[in-house]
Amino acid sequence: MMQHPTIQIESTDEQQEYYDHIEHLCHIIEDQVAAGNDVSVERIMPDILSGSAYLTNVQGCIEALRCTAEEPDEFVHLLDDSDNYQDVLQAMAYKSMEEDVREQLATKGLL
């Protein structure tokens, strides 16, 4: 069985930086939806998230997982020994960030 690392919570400053980034992503989504052209949150969110600096390398993914309030360990049961570590981290970070963005957009009434 593959050993799964335990992810420690980041410091308050690093969490603030992460949530500032989440807020920035929300502003981008909000601006694009407001601009019209039949654009929905669901349609543009994957493109906005996939361009996030937190998802471009392993260290960024780990940092996102350390800062999010989500529980990335919930994905562990989906993993097996053949999974690529970087792909798994990226998928976990993406899903956690997606939930953080959704929660923020919901507070703004956009979801």
PDB file of N, CA and C in Angstrom:
ATOM      1  N   MET A   1       0.834  -1.186   0.000  1.00  0.00           N
ATOM      2  CA  MET A   1       0.000   0.000   0.000  1.00  0.00           C
ATOM      3  C   MET A   1       0.882   1.254   0.000  1.00  0.00           C
ATOM      4  N   MET A   2       0.495   2.262  -0.767  1.00  0.00           N
ATOM      5  CA  MET A   2       1.238   3.513  -0.869  1.00  0.00           C
ATOM      6  C   MET A   2       1.143   4.274   0.452  1.00  0.00           C
ATOM      7  N   GLN A   3       2.262   4.832   0.902  1.00  0.00           N
ATOM      8  CA  GLN A   3       2.270   5.678   2.085  1.00  0.00           C
ATOM      9  C   GLN A   3       1.785   7.062   1.681  1.00  0.00           C
ATOM     10  N   HIS A   4       0.874   7.618   2.445  1.00  0.00           N
ATOM     11  CA  HIS A   4       0.310   8.926   2.150  1.00  0.00           C
ATOM     12  C   HIS A   4       0.823   9.939   3.159  1.00  0.00           C
ATOM     13  N   PRO A   5       1.368  11.046   2.678  1.00  0.00           N
ATOM     14  CA  PRO A   5       1.915  12.028   3.601  1.00  0.00           C
ATOM     15  C   PRO A   5       0.822  12.731   4.390  1.00  0.00           C
ATOM     16  N   THR A   6       1.144  13.126   5.592  1.00  0.00           N
ATOM     17  CA  THR A   6       0.251  13.954   6.380  1.00  0.00           C
ATOM     18  C   THR A   6       0.561  15.400   6.036  1.00  0.00           C
ATOM     19  N   ILE A   7      -0.462  16.160   5.800  1.00  0.00           N
ATOM     20  CA  ILE A   7      -0.276  17.554   5.400  1.00  0.00           C
ATOM     21  C   ILE A   7      -0.540  18.444   6.609  1.00  0.00           C
ATOM     22  N   GLN A   8       0.452  19.223   6.990  1.00  0.00           N
ATOM     23  CA  GLN A   8       0.353  20.108   8.139  1.00  0.00           C
ATOM     24  C   GLN A   8      -0.225  21.459   7.717  1.00  0.00           C
ATOM     25  N   ILE A   9      -0.993  22.066   8.599  1.00  0.00           N
ATOM     26  CA  ILE A   9      -1.601  23.372   8.340  1.00  0.00           C
ATOM     27  C   ILE A   9      -0.513  24.439   8.287  1.00  0.00           C
ATOM     28  N   GLU A  10      -0.661  25.358   7.357  1.00  0.00           N
ATOM     29  CA  GLU A  10       0.290  26.465   7.203  1.00  0.00           C
ATOM     30  C   GLU A  10       0.078  27.519   8.286  1.00  0.00           C
ATOM     31  N   SER A  11       1.001  28.450   8.359  1.00  0.00           N
ATOM     32  CA  SER A  11       0.884  29.561   9.298  1.00  0.00           C
ATOM     33  C   SER A  11      -0.207  30.523   8.833  1.00  0.00           C
ATOM     34  N   THR A  12      -0.598  31.390   9.716  1.00  0.00           N
ATOM     35  CA  THR A  12      -1.650  32.356   9.423  1.00  0.00           C
ATOM     36  C   THR A  12      -1.297  33.224   8.221  1.00  0.00           C
ATOM     37  N   ASP A  13      -0.039  33.675   8.112  1.00  0.00           N
ATOM     38  CA  ASP A  13       0.364  34.512   6.978  1.00  0.00           C
ATOM     39  C   ASP A  13       0.223  33.763   5.656  1.00  0.00           C
ATOM     40  N   GLU A  14       0.638  32.507   5.646  1.00  0.00           N
ATOM     41  CA  GLU A  14       0.545  31.722   4.414  1.00  0.00           C
ATOM     42  C   GLU A  14      -0.904  31.422   4.066  1.00  0.00           C
ATOM     43  N   GLN A  15      -1.734  31.182   5.079  1.00  0.00           N
ATOM     44  CA  GLN A  15      -3.151  30.985   4.831  1.00  0.00           C
ATOM     45  C   GLN A  15      -3.769  32.267   4.281  1.00  0.00           C
ATOM     46  N   GLN A  16      -3.388  33.402   4.823  1.00  0.00           N
ATOM     47  CA  GLN A  16      -3.929  34.672   4.337  1.00  0.00           C
ATOM     48  C   GLN A  16      -3.561  34.883   2.880  1.00  0.00           C
ATOM     49  N   GLU A  17      -2.326  34.566   2.521  1.00  0.00           N
ATOM     50  CA  GLU A  17      -1.886  34.684   1.131  1.00  0.00           C
ATOM     51  C   GLU A  17      -2.714  33.759   0.222  1.00  0.00           C
ATOM     52  N   TYR A  18      -2.946  32.542   0.695  1.00  0.00           N
ATOM     53  CA  TYR A  18      -3.744  31.590  -0.075  1.00  0.00           C
ATOM     54  C   TYR A  18      -5.169  32.115  -0.271  1.00  0.00           C
ATOM     55  N   TYR A  19      -5.803  32.573   0.811  1.00  0.00           N
ATOM     56  CA  TYR A  19      -7.178  33.057   0.689  1.00  0.00           C
ATOM     57  C   TYR A  19      -7.263  34.375  -0.078  1.00  0.00           C
ATOM     58  N   ASP A  20      -6.218  35.176  -0.054  1.00  0.00           N
ATOM     59  CA  ASP A  20      -6.166  36.351  -0.935  1.00  0.00           C
ATOM     60  C   ASP A  20      -6.166  35.901  -2.394  1.00  0.00           C
ATOM     61  N   HIS A  21      -5.442  34.821  -2.677  1.00  0.00           N
ATOM     62  CA  HIS A  21      -5.407  34.270  -4.035  1.00  0.00           C
ATOM     63  C   HIS A  21      -6.791  33.738  -4.426  1.00  0.00           C
ATOM     64  N   ILE A  22      -7.465  33.052  -3.508  1.00  0.00           N
ATOM     65  CA  ILE A  22      -8.822  32.561  -3.767  1.00  0.00           C
ATOM     66  C   ILE A  22      -9.740  33.740  -4.073  1.00  0.00           C
ATOM     67  N   GLU A  23      -9.617  34.795  -3.310  1.00  0.00           N
ATOM     68  CA  GLU A  23     -10.426  35.997  -3.541  1.00  0.00           C
ATOM     69  C   GLU A  23     -10.125  36.597  -4.914  1.00  0.00           C
ATOM     70  N   HIS A  24      -8.855  36.626  -5.285  1.00  0.00           N
ATOM     71  CA  HIS A  24      -8.451  37.120  -6.607  1.00  0.00           C
ATOM     72  C   HIS A  24      -9.100  36.283  -7.715  1.00  0.00           C
ATOM     73  N   LEU A  25      -9.078  34.967  -7.565  1.00  0.00           N
ATOM     74  CA  LEU A  25      -9.712  34.091  -8.555  1.00  0.00           C
ATOM     75  C   LEU A  25     -11.210  34.368  -8.635  1.00  0.00           C
ATOM     76  N   CYS A  26     -11.827  34.614  -7.494  1.00  0.00           N
ATOM     77  CA  CYS A  26     -13.261  34.936  -7.470  1.00  0.00           C
ATOM     78  C   CYS A  26     -13.550  36.238  -8.200  1.00  0.00           C
ATOM     79  N   HIS A  27     -12.679  37.235  -8.032  1.00  0.00           N
ATOM     80  CA  HIS A  27     -12.858  38.507  -8.744  1.00  0.00           C
ATOM     81  C   HIS A  27     -12.750  38.302 -10.256  1.00  0.00           C
ATOM     82  N   ILE A  28     -11.825  37.482 -10.675  1.00  0.00           N
ATOM     83  CA  ILE A  28     -11.688  37.198 -12.111  1.00  0.00           C
ATOM     84  C   ILE A  28     -12.967  36.552 -12.632  1.00  0.00           C
ATOM     85  N   ILE A  29     -13.469  35.569 -11.913  1.00  0.00           N
ATOM     86  CA  ILE A  29     -14.706  34.892 -12.323  1.00  0.00           C
ATOM     87  C   ILE A  29     -15.873  35.874 -12.329  1.00  0.00           C
ATOM     88  N   GLU A  30     -15.987  36.660 -11.276  1.00  0.00           N
ATOM     89  CA  GLU A  30     -17.055  37.647 -11.156  1.00  0.00           C
ATOM     90  C   GLU A  30     -17.018  38.653 -12.312  1.00  0.00           C
ATOM     91  N   ASP A  31     -15.826  39.136 -12.642  1.00  0.00           N
ATOM     92  CA  ASP A  31     -15.680  40.098 -13.745  1.00  0.00           C
ATOM     93  C   ASP A  31     -16.072  39.483 -15.080  1.00  0.00           C
ATOM     94  N   GLN A  32     -15.675  38.242 -15.314  1.00  0.00           N
ATOM     95  CA  GLN A  32     -16.005  37.597 -16.584  1.00  0.00           C
ATOM     96  C   GLN A  32     -17.495  37.316 -16.703  1.00  0.00           C
ATOM     97  N   VAL A  33     -18.121  36.936 -15.601  1.00  0.00           N
ATOM     98  CA  VAL A  33     -19.572  36.701 -15.622  1.00  0.00           C
ATOM     99  C   VAL A  33     -20.300  38.029 -15.839  1.00  0.00           C
ATOM    100  N   ALA A  34     -19.839  39.088 -15.169  1.00  0.00           N
ATOM    101  CA  ALA A  34     -20.469  40.400 -15.305  1.00  0.00           C
ATOM    102  C   ALA A  34     -20.341  40.950 -16.717  1.00  0.00           C
ATOM    103  N   ALA A  35     -19.251  40.585 -17.403  1.00  0.00           N
ATOM    104  CA  ALA A  35     -19.045  41.062 -18.770  1.00  0.00           C
ATOM    105  C   ALA A  35     -20.036  40.445 -19.749  1.00  0.00           C
ATOM    106  N   GLY A  36     -20.697  39.375 -19.327  1.00  0.00           N
ATOM    107  CA  GLY A  36     -21.730  38.768 -20.159  1.00  0.00           C
ATOM    108  C   GLY A  36     -21.186  37.748 -21.127  1.00  0.00           C
ATOM    109  N   ASN A  37     -21.640  37.860 -22.371  1.00  0.00           N
ATOM    110  CA  ASN A  37     -21.262  36.922 -23.428  1.00  0.00           C
ATOM    111  C   ASN A  37     -21.634  35.475 -23.079  1.00  0.00           C
ATOM    112  N   ASP A  38     -22.769  35.309 -22.381  1.00  0.00           N
ATOM    113  CA  ASP A  38     -23.286  33.983 -22.052  1.00  0.00           C
ATOM    114  C   ASP A  38     -22.252  33.125 -21.323  1.00  0.00           C
ATOM    115  N   VAL A  39     -21.552  33.726 -20.367  1.00  0.00           N
ATOM    116  CA  VAL A  39     -20.535  33.031 -19.591  1.00  0.00           C
ATOM    117  C   VAL A  39     -21.114  32.723 -18.209  1.00  0.00           C
ATOM    118  N   SER A  40     -20.992  31.474 -17.789  1.00  0.00           N
ATOM    119  CA  SER A  40     -21.464  31.083 -16.461  1.00  0.00           C
ATOM    120  C   SER A  40     -20.274  30.743 -15.569  1.00  0.00           C
ATOM    121  N   VAL A  41     -20.516  30.792 -14.281  1.00  0.00           N
ATOM    122  CA  VAL A  41     -19.477  30.449 -13.312  1.00  0.00           C
ATOM    123  C   VAL A  41     -18.984  29.034 -13.570  1.00  0.00           C
ATOM    124  N   GLU A  42     -19.908  28.105 -13.744  1.00  0.00           N
ATOM    125  CA  GLU A  42     -19.543  26.698 -13.952  1.00  0.00           C
ATOM    126  C   GLU A  42     -18.698  26.510 -15.210  1.00  0.00           C
ATOM    127  N   ARG A  43     -18.940  27.310 -16.193  1.00  0.00           N
ATOM    128  CA  ARG A  43     -18.234  27.175 -17.469  1.00  0.00           C
ATOM    129  C   ARG A  43     -16.802  27.690 -17.403  1.00  0.00           C
ATOM    130  N   ILE A  44     -16.592  28.781 -16.674  1.00  0.00           N
ATOM    131  CA  ILE A  44     -15.256  29.388 -16.671  1.00  0.00           C
ATOM    132  C   ILE A  44     -14.386  28.982 -15.478  1.00  0.00           C
ATOM    133  N   MET A  45     -15.010  28.443 -14.427  1.00  0.00           N
ATOM    134  CA  MET A  45     -14.220  28.105 -13.236  1.00  0.00           C
ATOM    135  C   MET A  45     -13.067  27.145 -13.528  1.00  0.00           C
ATOM    136  N   PRO A  46     -13.253  26.078 -14.312  1.00  0.00           N
ATOM    137  CA  PRO A  46     -12.116  25.178 -14.561  1.00  0.00           C
ATOM    138  C   PRO A  46     -10.925  25.876 -15.218  1.00  0.00           C
ATOM    139  N   ASP A  47     -11.189  26.767 -16.159  1.00  0.00           N
ATOM    140  CA  ASP A  47     -10.097  27.485 -16.818  1.00  0.00           C
ATOM    141  C   ASP A  47      -9.381  28.430 -15.862  1.00  0.00           C
ATOM    142  N   ILE A  48     -10.141  29.115 -15.036  1.00  0.00           N
ATOM    143  CA  ILE A  48      -9.544  30.055 -14.081  1.00  0.00           C
ATOM    144  C   ILE A  48      -8.704  29.298 -13.056  1.00  0.00           C
ATOM    145  N   LEU A  49      -9.254  28.219 -12.506  1.00  0.00           N
ATOM    146  CA  LEU A  49      -8.525  27.448 -11.497  1.00  0.00           C
ATOM    147  C   LEU A  49      -7.279  26.788 -12.065  1.00  0.00           C
ATOM    148  N   SER A  50      -7.391  26.225 -13.260  1.00  0.00           N
ATOM    149  CA  SER A  50      -6.240  25.498 -13.810  1.00  0.00           C
ATOM    150  C   SER A  50      -5.060  26.417 -14.094  1.00  0.00           C
ATOM    151  N   GLY A  51      -5.305  27.713 -14.197  1.00  0.00           N
ATOM    152  CA  GLY A  51      -4.230  28.667 -14.401  1.00  0.00           C
ATOM    153  C   GLY A  51      -3.607  29.184 -13.111  1.00  0.00           C
ATOM    154  N   SER A  52      -4.084  28.683 -11.987  1.00  0.00           N
ATOM    155  CA  SER A  52      -3.593  29.151 -10.696  1.00  0.00           C
ATOM    156  C   SER A  52      -2.143  28.737 -10.468  1.00  0.00           C
ATOM    157  N   ALA A  53      -1.379  29.659  -9.913  1.00  0.00           N
ATOM    158  CA  ALA A  53       0.024  29.372  -9.594  1.00  0.00           C
ATOM    159  C   ALA A  53       0.146  28.233  -8.583  1.00  0.00           C
ATOM    160  N   TYR A  54      -0.873  28.023  -7.775  1.00  0.00           N
ATOM    161  CA  TYR A  54      -0.824  26.942  -6.787  1.00  0.00           C
ATOM    162  C   TYR A  54      -0.888  25.558  -7.430  1.00  0.00           C
ATOM    163  N   LEU A  55      -1.298  25.483  -8.681  1.00  0.00           N
ATOM    164  CA  LEU A  55      -1.462  24.188  -9.332  1.00  0.00           C
ATOM    165  C   LEU A  55      -0.400  23.883 -10.372  1.00  0.00           C
ATOM    166  N   THR A  56       0.610  24.727 -10.484  1.00  0.00           N
ATOM    167  CA  THR A  56       1.608  24.546 -11.545  1.00  0.00           C
ATOM    168  C   THR A  56       2.755  23.615 -11.178  1.00  0.00           C
ATOM    169  N   ASN A  57       2.940  23.347  -9.869  1.00  0.00           N
ATOM    170  CA  ASN A  57       4.021  22.442  -9.468  1.00  0.00           C
ATOM    171  C   ASN A  57       3.666  21.768  -8.149  1.00  0.00           C
ATOM    172  N   VAL A  58       4.432  20.759  -7.797  1.00  0.00           N
ATOM    173  CA  VAL A  58       4.155  19.978  -6.591  1.00  0.00           C
ATOM    174  C   VAL A  58       4.161  20.866  -5.349  1.00  0.00           C
ATOM    175  N   GLN A  59       5.153  21.740  -5.222  1.00  0.00           N
ATOM    176  CA  GLN A  59       5.238  22.594  -4.038  1.00  0.00           C
ATOM    177  C   GLN A  59       4.009  23.483  -3.897  1.00  0.00           C
ATOM    178  N   GLY A  60       3.522  24.037  -5.002  1.00  0.00           N
ATOM    179  CA  GLY A  60       2.319  24.867  -4.956  1.00  0.00           C
ATOM    180  C   GLY A  60       1.101  24.071  -4.530  1.00  0.00           C
ATOM    181  N   CYS A  61       0.985  22.847  -5.039  1.00  0.00           N
ATOM    182  CA  CYS A  61      -0.133  21.975  -4.658  1.00  0.00           C
ATOM    183  C   CYS A  61      -0.100  21.666  -3.172  1.00  0.00           C
ATOM    184  N   ILE A  62       1.090  21.344  -2.672  1.00  0.00           N
ATOM    185  CA  ILE A  62       1.230  21.056  -1.242  1.00  0.00           C
ATOM    186  C   ILE A  62       0.867  22.280  -0.416  1.00  0.00           C
ATOM    187  N   GLU A  63       1.308  23.447  -0.853  1.00  0.00           N
ATOM    188  CA  GLU A  63       0.989  24.674  -0.126  1.00  0.00           C
ATOM    189  C   GLU A  63      -0.516  24.917  -0.097  1.00  0.00           C
ATOM    190  N   ALA A  64      -1.189  24.715  -1.233  1.00  0.00           N
ATOM    191  CA  ALA A  64      -2.642  24.891  -1.277  1.00  0.00           C
ATOM    192  C   ALA A  64      -3.321  23.918  -0.317  1.00  0.00           C
ATOM    193  N   LEU A  65      -2.874  22.680  -0.308  1.00  0.00           N
ATOM    194  CA  LEU A  65      -3.472  21.683   0.582  1.00  0.00           C
ATOM    195  C   LEU A  65      -3.212  21.993   2.048  1.00  0.00           C
ATOM    196  N   ARG A  66      -2.101  22.619   2.326  1.00  0.00           N
ATOM    197  CA  ARG A  66      -1.772  22.987   3.709  1.00  0.00           C
ATOM    198  C   ARG A  66      -2.580  24.188   4.173  1.00  0.00           C
ATOM    199  N   CYS A  67      -3.029  25.017   3.243  1.00  0.00           N
ATOM    200  CA  CYS A  67      -3.724  26.247   3.607  1.00  0.00           C
ATOM    201  C   CYS A  67      -5.243  26.135   3.581  1.00  0.00           C
ATOM    202  N   THR A  68      -5.776  25.247   2.781  1.00  0.00           N
ATOM    203  CA  THR A  68      -7.220  25.151   2.630  1.00  0.00           C
ATOM    204  C   THR A  68      -7.892  24.657   3.901  1.00  0.00           C
ATOM    205  N   ALA A  69      -9.130  25.053   4.075  1.00  0.00           N
ATOM    206  CA  ALA A  69      -9.924  24.553   5.196  1.00  0.00           C
ATOM    207  C   ALA A  69     -10.575  23.221   4.847  1.00  0.00           C
ATOM    208  N   GLU A  70     -10.458  22.824   3.595  1.00  0.00           N
ATOM    209  CA  GLU A  70     -11.033  21.554   3.153  1.00  0.00           C
ATOM    210  C   GLU A  70     -10.221  20.403   3.715  1.00  0.00           C
ATOM    211  N   GLU A  71     -10.743  19.216   3.607  1.00  0.00           N
ATOM    212  CA  GLU A  71     -10.087  18.017   4.121  1.00  0.00           C
ATOM    213  C   GLU A  71      -9.564  17.178   2.960  1.00  0.00           C
ATOM    214  N   PRO A  72      -8.361  17.442   2.461  1.00  0.00           N
ATOM    215  CA  PRO A  72      -7.858  16.706   1.308  1.00  0.00           C
ATOM    216  C   PRO A  72      -7.671  15.217   1.558  1.00  0.00           C
ATOM    217  N   ASP A  73      -7.571  14.823   2.817  1.00  0.00           N
ATOM    218  CA  ASP A  73      -7.412  13.406   3.121  1.00  0.00           C
ATOM    219  C   ASP A  73      -8.613  12.582   2.680  1.00  0.00           C
ATOM    220  N   GLU A  74      -9.740  13.246   2.406  1.00  0.00           N
ATOM    221  CA  GLU A  74     -10.921  12.513   1.957  1.00  0.00           C
ATOM    222  C   GLU A  74     -10.696  11.836   0.611  1.00  0.00           C
ATOM    223  N   PHE A  75      -9.665  12.226  -0.123  1.00  0.00           N
ATOM    224  CA  PHE A  75      -9.375  11.634  -1.421  1.00  0.00           C
ATOM    225  C   PHE A  75      -8.481  10.396  -1.319  1.00  0.00           C
ATOM    226  N   VAL A  76      -7.873  10.165  -0.168  1.00  0.00           N
ATOM    227  CA  VAL A  76      -6.882   9.108  -0.021  1.00  0.00           C
ATOM    228  C   VAL A  76      -7.440   7.738  -0.402  1.00  0.00           C
ATOM    229  N   HIS A  77      -8.677   7.482  -0.083  1.00  0.00           N
ATOM    230  CA  HIS A  77      -9.249   6.167  -0.394  1.00  0.00           C
ATOM    231  C   HIS A  77      -9.354   5.907  -1.897  1.00  0.00           C
ATOM    232  N   LEU A  78      -9.224   6.945  -2.713  1.00  0.00           N
ATOM    233  CA  LEU A  78      -9.301   6.801  -4.161  1.00  0.00           C
ATOM    234  C   LEU A  78      -7.954   6.464  -4.793  1.00  0.00           C
ATOM    235  N   LEU A  79      -6.895   6.459  -4.002  1.00  0.00           N
ATOM    236  CA  LEU A  79      -5.547   6.293  -4.517  1.00  0.00           C
ATOM    237  C   LEU A  79      -5.093   4.845  -4.466  1.00  0.00           C
ATOM    238  N   ASP A  80      -4.218   4.496  -5.391  1.00  0.00           N
ATOM    239  CA  ASP A  80      -3.556   3.198  -5.301  1.00  0.00           C
ATOM    240  C   ASP A  80      -2.092   3.363  -5.681  1.00  0.00           C
ATOM    241  N   ASP A  81      -1.345   2.292  -5.615  1.00  0.00           N
ATOM    242  CA  ASP A  81       0.098   2.361  -5.813  1.00  0.00           C
ATOM    243  C   ASP A  81       0.521   2.816  -7.199  1.00  0.00           C
ATOM    244  N   SER A  82      -0.359   2.721  -8.180  1.00  0.00           N
ATOM    245  CA  SER A  82       0.011   3.087  -9.544  1.00  0.00           C
ATOM    246  C   SER A  82      -0.191   4.572  -9.848  1.00  0.00           C
ATOM    247  N   ASP A  83      -0.799   5.301  -8.934  1.00  0.00           N
ATOM    248  CA  ASP A  83      -1.062   6.714  -9.178  1.00  0.00           C
ATOM    249  C   ASP A  83       0.215   7.548  -9.113  1.00  0.00           C
ATOM    250  N   ASN A  84       0.334   8.498 -10.031  1.00  0.00           N
ATOM    251  CA  ASN A  84       1.449   9.426 -10.069  1.00  0.00           C
ATOM    252  C   ASN A  84       1.258  10.458  -8.958  1.00  0.00           C
ATOM    253  N   TYR A  85       2.254  10.582  -8.094  1.00  0.00           N
ATOM    254  CA  TYR A  85       2.174  11.453  -6.919  1.00  0.00           C
ATOM    255  C   TYR A  85       1.831  12.897  -7.306  1.00  0.00           C
ATOM    256  N   GLN A  86       2.475  13.431  -8.328  1.00  0.00           N
ATOM    257  CA  GLN A  86       2.219  14.808  -8.734  1.00  0.00           C
ATOM    258  C   GLN A  86       0.783  14.976  -9.230  1.00  0.00           C
ATOM    259  N   ASP A  87       0.288  14.029 -10.016  1.00  0.00           N
ATOM    260  CA  ASP A  87      -1.080  14.114 -10.518  1.00  0.00           C
ATOM    261  C   ASP A  87      -2.093  14.052  -9.382  1.00  0.00           C
ATOM    262  N   VAL A  88      -1.812  13.203  -8.405  1.00  0.00           N
ATOM    263  CA  VAL A  88      -2.709  13.071  -7.261  1.00  0.00           C
ATOM    264  C   VAL A  88      -2.730  14.371  -6.456  1.00  0.00           C
ATOM    265  N   LEU A  89      -1.567  14.924  -6.180  1.00  0.00           N
ATOM    266  CA  LEU A  89      -1.502  16.192  -5.437  1.00  0.00           C
ATOM    267  C   LEU A  89      -2.222  17.300  -6.182  1.00  0.00           C
ATOM    268  N   GLN A  90      -2.028  17.357  -7.488  1.00  0.00           N
ATOM    269  CA  GLN A  90      -2.674  18.396  -8.283  1.00  0.00           C
ATOM    270  C   GLN A  90      -4.196  18.234  -8.264  1.00  0.00           C
ATOM    271  N   ALA A  91      -4.673  17.015  -8.386  1.00  0.00           N
ATOM    272  CA  ALA A  91      -6.121  16.782  -8.355  1.00  0.00           C
ATOM    273  C   ALA A  91      -6.707  17.138  -6.987  1.00  0.00           C
ATOM    274  N   MET A  92      -5.996  16.761  -5.925  1.00  0.00           N
ATOM    275  CA  MET A  92      -6.464  17.081  -4.584  1.00  0.00           C
ATOM    276  C   MET A  92      -6.471  18.591  -4.349  1.00  0.00           C
ATOM    277  N   ALA A  93      -5.416  19.260  -4.764  1.00  0.00           N
ATOM    278  CA  ALA A  93      -5.336  20.712  -4.596  1.00  0.00           C
ATOM    279  C   ALA A  93      -6.405  21.405  -5.425  1.00  0.00           C
ATOM    280  N   TYR A  94      -6.616  20.944  -6.656  1.00  0.00           N
ATOM    281  CA  TYR A  94      -7.639  21.536  -7.523  1.00  0.00           C
ATOM    282  C   TYR A  94      -9.016  21.425  -6.869  1.00  0.00           C
ATOM    283  N   LYS A  95      -9.370  20.235  -6.395  1.00  0.00           N
ATOM    284  CA  LYS A  95     -10.693  20.039  -5.798  1.00  0.00           C
ATOM    285  C   LYS A  95     -10.856  20.877  -4.525  1.00  0.00           C
ATOM    286  N   SER A  96      -9.806  20.979  -3.734  1.00  0.00           N
ATOM    287  CA  SER A  96      -9.878  21.794  -2.523  1.00  0.00           C
ATOM    288  C   SER A  96     -10.037  23.268  -2.865  1.00  0.00           C
ATOM    289  N   MET A  97      -9.248  23.739  -3.837  1.00  0.00           N
ATOM    290  CA  MET A  97      -9.354  25.141  -4.252  1.00  0.00           C
ATOM    291  C   MET A  97     -10.717  25.418  -4.880  1.00  0.00           C
ATOM    292  N   GLU A  98     -11.213  24.475  -5.660  1.00  0.00           N
ATOM    293  CA  GLU A  98     -12.531  24.636  -6.277  1.00  0.00           C
ATOM    294  C   GLU A  98     -13.599  24.833  -5.197  1.00  0.00           C
ATOM    295  N   GLU A  99     -13.528  24.046  -4.149  1.00  0.00           N
ATOM    296  CA  GLU A  99     -14.500  24.179  -3.062  1.00  0.00           C
ATOM    297  C   GLU A  99     -14.335  25.524  -2.356  1.00  0.00           C
ATOM    298  N   ASP A 100     -13.102  25.973  -2.137  1.00  0.00           N
ATOM    299  CA  ASP A 100     -12.876  27.281  -1.518  1.00  0.00           C
ATOM    300  C   ASP A 100     -13.439  28.402  -2.381  1.00  0.00           C
ATOM    301  N   VAL A 101     -13.232  28.314  -3.690  1.00  0.00           N
ATOM    302  CA  VAL A 101     -13.773  29.332  -4.610  1.00  0.00           C
ATOM    303  C   VAL A 101     -15.294  29.285  -4.594  1.00  0.00           C
ATOM    304  N   ARG A 102     -15.871  28.095  -4.645  1.00  0.00           N
ATOM    305  CA  ARG A 102     -17.332  27.958  -4.611  1.00  0.00           C
ATOM    306  C   ARG A 102     -17.918  28.583  -3.341  1.00  0.00           C
ATOM    307  N   GLU A 103     -17.286  28.308  -2.208  1.00  0.00           N
ATOM    308  CA  GLU A 103     -17.774  28.875  -0.949  1.00  0.00           C
ATOM    309  C   GLU A 103     -17.728  30.398  -0.977  1.00  0.00           C
ATOM    310  N   GLN A 104     -16.640  30.951  -1.506  1.00  0.00           N
ATOM    311  CA  GLN A 104     -16.512  32.410  -1.577  1.00  0.00           C
ATOM    312  C   GLN A 104     -17.528  33.004  -2.549  1.00  0.00           C
ATOM    313  N   LEU A 105     -17.707  32.367  -3.703  1.00  0.00           N
ATOM    314  CA  LEU A 105     -18.688  32.852  -4.678  1.00  0.00           C
ATOM    315  C   LEU A 105     -20.105  32.770  -4.121  1.00  0.00           C
ATOM    316  N   ALA A 106     -20.383  31.748  -3.335  1.00  0.00           N
ATOM    317  CA  ALA A 106     -21.707  31.602  -2.730  1.00  0.00           C
ATOM    318  C   ALA A 106     -21.990  32.748  -1.773  1.00  0.00           C
ATOM    319  N   THR A 107     -20.964  33.183  -1.034  1.00  0.00           N
ATOM    320  CA  THR A 107     -21.166  34.310  -0.100  1.00  0.00           C
ATOM    321  C   THR A 107     -21.461  35.604  -0.851  1.00  0.00           C
ATOM    322  N   LYS A 108     -21.062  35.641  -2.124  1.00  0.00           N
ATOM    323  CA  LYS A 108     -21.305  36.820  -2.954  1.00  0.00           C
ATOM    324  C   LYS A 108     -22.595  36.684  -3.757  1.00  0.00           C
ATOM    325  N   GLY A 109     -23.281  35.550  -3.582  1.00  0.00           N
ATOM    326  CA  GLY A 109     -24.527  35.323  -4.303  1.00  0.00           C
ATOM    327  C   GLY A 109     -24.356  34.931  -5.755  1.00  0.00           C
ATOM    328  N   LEU A 110     -23.163  34.468  -6.125  1.00  0.00           N
ATOM    329  CA  LEU A 110     -22.914  34.090  -7.514  1.00  0.00           C
ATOM    330  C   LEU A 110     -23.171  32.618  -7.772  1.00  0.00           C
ATOM    331  N   LEU A 111     -23.412  31.842  -6.747  1.00  0.00           N
ATOM    332  CA  LEU A 111     -23.758  30.421  -6.895  1.00  0.00           C
ATOM    333  C   LEU A 111     -25.033  30.126  -6.169  1.00  0.00           C
TER     334      LEU A 111
END
